[in-house]
Amino acid sequence: MPPRFRIIALCGLIAAVAAGRVFAGDLRDPMRPAGAPSAVRPAPVHSLKLEGVIAGEKRVAIVNGRLVRAGDTVAGARILEILAHAVRYERAGKIQTLTLAVTPSNTSVRVARSRTDEDRPKEAGQ
């Protein structure tokens, strides 16, 4: 095959691929009935993570790594109230509560210490 023909064929192939990408958005889903409206993808909902609550004169919370107060907006949610271990927020007209992930903790603290020879129980006969 002459080099000139290869270049023309390669340019034609590149143009066809580029045109296919441009018009691919106009293709109809073959599984959707004719005349049915196209599917609308909902906007992605960003998750909220309550990382901590700081009590003081006014409570503040750490949500998604940001320090927020009541009335602030984070990830599309408006903070309504900050509780001792939770945050109430409104998003898309719904009021929800985000609770702090609590790890189980012991109420008493035990301190381990090593025994010395004096602390060890004496065996009989010593």
C-alpha atoms as a PDB file:
ATOM      1  CA  MET A   1       0.000   0.000   0.000  1.00  0.00           C
ATOM      2  CA  PRO A   2       1.466   3.380  -0.967  1.00  0.00           C
ATOM      3  CA  PRO A   3       2.316   5.742   1.954  1.00  0.00           C
ATOM      4  CA  ARG A   4      -0.010   8.442   0.639  1.00  0.00           C
ATOM      5  CA  PHE A   5      -2.975   6.045   0.751  1.00  0.00           C
ATOM      6  CA  ARG A   6      -2.079   5.033   4.340  1.00  0.00           C
ATOM      7  CA  ILE A   7      -2.055   8.663   5.477  1.00  0.00           C
ATOM      8  CA  ILE A   8      -5.441   9.345   3.842  1.00  0.00           C
ATOM      9  CA  ALA A   9      -6.912   6.164   5.362  1.00  0.00           C
ATOM     10  CA  LEU A  10      -5.536   7.071   8.813  1.00  0.00           C
ATOM     11  CA  CYS A  11      -6.978  10.617   8.604  1.00  0.00           C
ATOM     12  CA  GLY A  12     -10.350   9.208   7.554  1.00  0.00           C
ATOM     13  CA  LEU A  13     -10.328   6.749  10.447  1.00  0.00           C
ATOM     14  CA  ILE A  14      -9.479   9.505  12.960  1.00  0.00           C
ATOM     15  CA  ALA A  15     -12.274  11.708  11.566  1.00  0.00           C
ATOM     16  CA  ALA A  16     -14.790   8.842  11.832  1.00  0.00           C
ATOM     17  CA  VAL A  17     -13.848   8.123  15.439  1.00  0.00           C
ATOM     18  CA  ALA A  18     -14.054  11.813  16.370  1.00  0.00           C
ATOM     19  CA  ALA A  19     -17.459  12.159  14.686  1.00  0.00           C
ATOM     20  CA  GLY A  20     -18.716   9.061  16.498  1.00  0.00           C
ATOM     21  CA  ARG A  21     -17.800  10.553  19.852  1.00  0.00           C
ATOM     22  CA  VAL A  22     -19.510  13.831  19.032  1.00  0.00           C
ATOM     23  CA  PHE A  23     -22.791  12.198  17.979  1.00  0.00           C
ATOM     24  CA  ALA A  24     -22.809   9.396  20.572  1.00  0.00           C
ATOM     25  CA  GLY A  25     -24.754  11.604  22.972  1.00  0.00           C
ATOM     26  CA  ASP A  26     -27.658  11.701  20.493  1.00  0.00           C
ATOM     27  CA  LEU A  27     -28.120   7.929  20.439  1.00  0.00           C
ATOM     28  CA  ARG A  28     -31.325   6.491  21.878  1.00  0.00           C
ATOM     29  CA  ASP A  29     -31.265   3.693  24.439  1.00  0.00           C
ATOM     30  CA  PRO A  30     -32.391   0.605  22.467  1.00  0.00           C
ATOM     31  CA  MET A  31     -34.030  -0.895  25.591  1.00  0.00           C
ATOM     32  CA  ARG A  32     -36.232   2.149  26.223  1.00  0.00           C
ATOM     33  CA  PRO A  33     -39.643   2.075  24.510  1.00  0.00           C
ATOM     34  CA  ALA A  34     -40.148   4.554  21.679  1.00  0.00           C
ATOM     35  CA  GLY A  35     -41.560   7.850  22.915  1.00  0.00           C
ATOM     36  CA  ALA A  36     -40.535   7.235  26.540  1.00  0.00           C
ATOM     37  CA  PRO A  37     -38.729  10.174  28.162  1.00  0.00           C
ATOM     38  CA  SER A  38     -35.018   9.768  28.636  1.00  0.00           C
ATOM     39  CA  ALA A  39     -33.794   8.855  32.100  1.00  0.00           C
ATOM     40  CA  VAL A  40     -32.699  11.770  34.226  1.00  0.00           C
ATOM     41  CA  ARG A  41     -29.766  11.029  36.470  1.00  0.00           C
ATOM     42  CA  PRO A  42     -30.135  12.529  39.927  1.00  0.00           C
ATOM     43  CA  ALA A  43     -27.416  14.844  41.126  1.00  0.00           C
ATOM     44  CA  PRO A  44     -24.917  13.027  43.302  1.00  0.00           C
ATOM     45  CA  VAL A  45     -25.603  13.383  47.010  1.00  0.00           C
ATOM     46  CA  HIS A  46     -22.508  14.140  48.999  1.00  0.00           C
ATOM     47  CA  SER A  47     -22.320  12.206  52.227  1.00  0.00           C
ATOM     48  CA  LEU A  48     -21.870  13.922  55.549  1.00  0.00           C
ATOM     49  CA  LYS A  49     -19.561  12.661  58.270  1.00  0.00           C
ATOM     50  CA  LEU A  50     -19.783  14.038  61.783  1.00  0.00           C
ATOM     51  CA  GLU A  51     -16.273  13.889  63.189  1.00  0.00           C
ATOM     52  CA  GLY A  52     -16.749  15.708  66.477  1.00  0.00           C
ATOM     53  CA  VAL A  53     -18.756  18.131  68.597  1.00  0.00           C
ATOM     54  CA  ILE A  54     -17.134  20.859  70.672  1.00  0.00           C
ATOM     55  CA  ALA A  55     -19.163  22.243  73.566  1.00  0.00           C
ATOM     56  CA  GLY A  56     -18.682  25.779  74.780  1.00  0.00           C
ATOM     57  CA  GLU A  57     -20.724  28.973  74.861  1.00  0.00           C
ATOM     58  CA  LYS A  58     -22.017  27.900  71.473  1.00  0.00           C
ATOM     59  CA  ARG A  59     -21.572  24.367  70.222  1.00  0.00           C
ATOM     60  CA  VAL A  60     -19.615  23.797  67.047  1.00  0.00           C
ATOM     61  CA  ALA A  61     -19.227  20.580  65.080  1.00  0.00           C
ATOM     62  CA  ILE A  62     -16.673  19.158  62.718  1.00  0.00           C
ATOM     63  CA  VAL A  63     -18.471  17.898  59.622  1.00  0.00           C
ATOM     64  CA  ASN A  64     -16.472  16.582  56.653  1.00  0.00           C
ATOM     65  CA  GLY A  65     -13.357  18.140  58.158  1.00  0.00           C
ATOM     66  CA  ARG A  66     -14.969  21.610  58.412  1.00  0.00           C
ATOM     67  CA  LEU A  67     -15.800  23.515  61.576  1.00  0.00           C
ATOM     68  CA  VAL A  68     -19.518  24.441  61.353  1.00  0.00           C
ATOM     69  CA  ARG A  69     -22.088  26.252  63.453  1.00  0.00           C
ATOM     70  CA  ALA A  70     -25.874  26.299  63.306  1.00  0.00           C
ATOM     71  CA  GLY A  71     -26.905  28.066  60.095  1.00  0.00           C
ATOM     72  CA  ASP A  72     -23.814  27.042  58.099  1.00  0.00           C
ATOM     73  CA  THR A  73     -24.053  25.008  54.905  1.00  0.00           C
ATOM     74  CA  VAL A  74     -21.829  22.031  54.115  1.00  0.00           C
ATOM     75  CA  ALA A  75     -22.174  19.652  51.125  1.00  0.00           C
ATOM     76  CA  GLY A  76     -25.604  21.055  50.286  1.00  0.00           C
ATOM     77  CA  ALA A  77     -26.967  20.590  53.821  1.00  0.00           C
ATOM     78  CA  ARG A  78     -27.937  23.461  56.111  1.00  0.00           C
ATOM     79  CA  ILE A  79     -27.000  22.839  59.754  1.00  0.00           C
ATOM     80  CA  LEU A  80     -30.047  23.486  61.948  1.00  0.00           C
ATOM     81  CA  GLU A  81     -28.886  22.496  65.426  1.00  0.00           C
ATOM     82  CA  ILE A  82     -25.809  21.014  67.077  1.00  0.00           C
ATOM     83  CA  LEU A  83     -26.585  18.585  69.893  1.00  0.00           C
ATOM     84  CA  ALA A  84     -24.205  16.926  72.369  1.00  0.00           C
ATOM     85  CA  HIS A  85     -23.548  13.908  70.119  1.00  0.00           C
ATOM     86  CA  ALA A  86     -25.407  14.760  66.907  1.00  0.00           C
ATOM     87  CA  VAL A  87     -26.193  17.397  64.310  1.00  0.00           C
ATOM     88  CA  ARG A  88     -29.643  18.135  62.856  1.00  0.00           C
ATOM     89  CA  TYR A  89     -29.554  19.328  59.259  1.00  0.00           C
ATOM     90  CA  GLU A  90     -31.874  20.006  56.336  1.00  0.00           C
ATOM     91  CA  ARG A  91     -31.191  18.909  52.785  1.00  0.00           C
ATOM     92  CA  ALA A  92     -33.673  18.868  49.902  1.00  0.00           C
ATOM     93  CA  GLY A  93     -36.528  19.767  52.257  1.00  0.00           C
ATOM     94  CA  LYS A  94     -35.882  16.828  54.599  1.00  0.00           C
ATOM     95  CA  ILE A  95     -34.694  17.238  58.185  1.00  0.00           C
ATOM     96  CA  GLN A  96     -32.275  14.525  59.254  1.00  0.00           C
ATOM     97  CA  THR A  97     -29.998  13.788  62.190  1.00  0.00           C
ATOM     98  CA  LEU A  98     -26.358  12.863  61.871  1.00  0.00           C
ATOM     99  CA  THR A  99     -25.013  11.103  64.960  1.00  0.00           C
ATOM    100  CA  LEU A 100     -21.465  10.894  66.159  1.00  0.00           C
ATOM    101  CA  ALA A 101     -19.944   7.445  65.806  1.00  0.00           C
ATOM    102  CA  VAL A 102     -19.316   6.474  69.408  1.00  0.00           C
ATOM    103  CA  THR A 103     -16.731   3.880  70.276  1.00  0.00           C
ATOM    104  CA  PRO A 104     -17.430   1.826  73.385  1.00  0.00           C
ATOM    105  CA  SER A 105     -15.384   3.032  76.305  1.00  0.00           C
ATOM    106  CA  ASN A 106     -14.844   1.734  79.793  1.00  0.00           C
ATOM    107  CA  THR A 107     -16.025   3.881  82.634  1.00  0.00           C
ATOM    108  CA  SER A 108     -13.133   2.758  84.804  1.00  0.00           C
ATOM    109  CA  VAL A 109      -9.492   2.912  83.957  1.00  0.00           C
ATOM    110  CA  ARG A 110      -7.133   0.090  84.865  1.00  0.00           C
ATOM    111  CA  VAL A 111      -3.437   0.724  84.989  1.00  0.00           C
ATOM    112  CA  ALA A 112      -1.145  -2.214  84.487  1.00  0.00           C
ATOM    113  CA  ARG A 113       2.036  -2.301  86.476  1.00  0.00           C
ATOM    114  CA  SER A 114       4.790  -4.810  86.625  1.00  0.00           C
ATOM    115  CA  ARG A 115       5.344  -6.789  89.789  1.00  0.00           C
ATOM    116  CA  THR A 116       8.571  -6.576  91.696  1.00  0.00           C
ATOM    117  CA  ASP A 117       9.983  -9.417  93.756  1.00  0.00           C
ATOM    118  CA  GLU A 118       8.477  -7.845  96.864  1.00  0.00           C
ATOM    119  CA  ASP A 119       4.946  -7.851  95.349  1.00  0.00           C
ATOM    120  CA  ARG A 120       5.005 -11.505  94.264  1.00  0.00           C
ATOM    121  CA  PRO A 121       3.284 -14.002  96.524  1.00  0.00           C
ATOM    122  CA  LYS A 122       5.729 -16.058  98.568  1.00  0.00           C
ATOM    123  CA  GLU A 123       5.769 -19.767  97.997  1.00  0.00           C
ATOM    124  CA  ALA A 124       5.521 -22.133 100.942  1.00  0.00           C
ATOM    125  CA  GLY A 125       8.869 -23.049 102.410  1.00  0.00           C
ATOM    126  CA  GLN A 126      10.650 -19.767 101.603  1.00  0.00           C
END
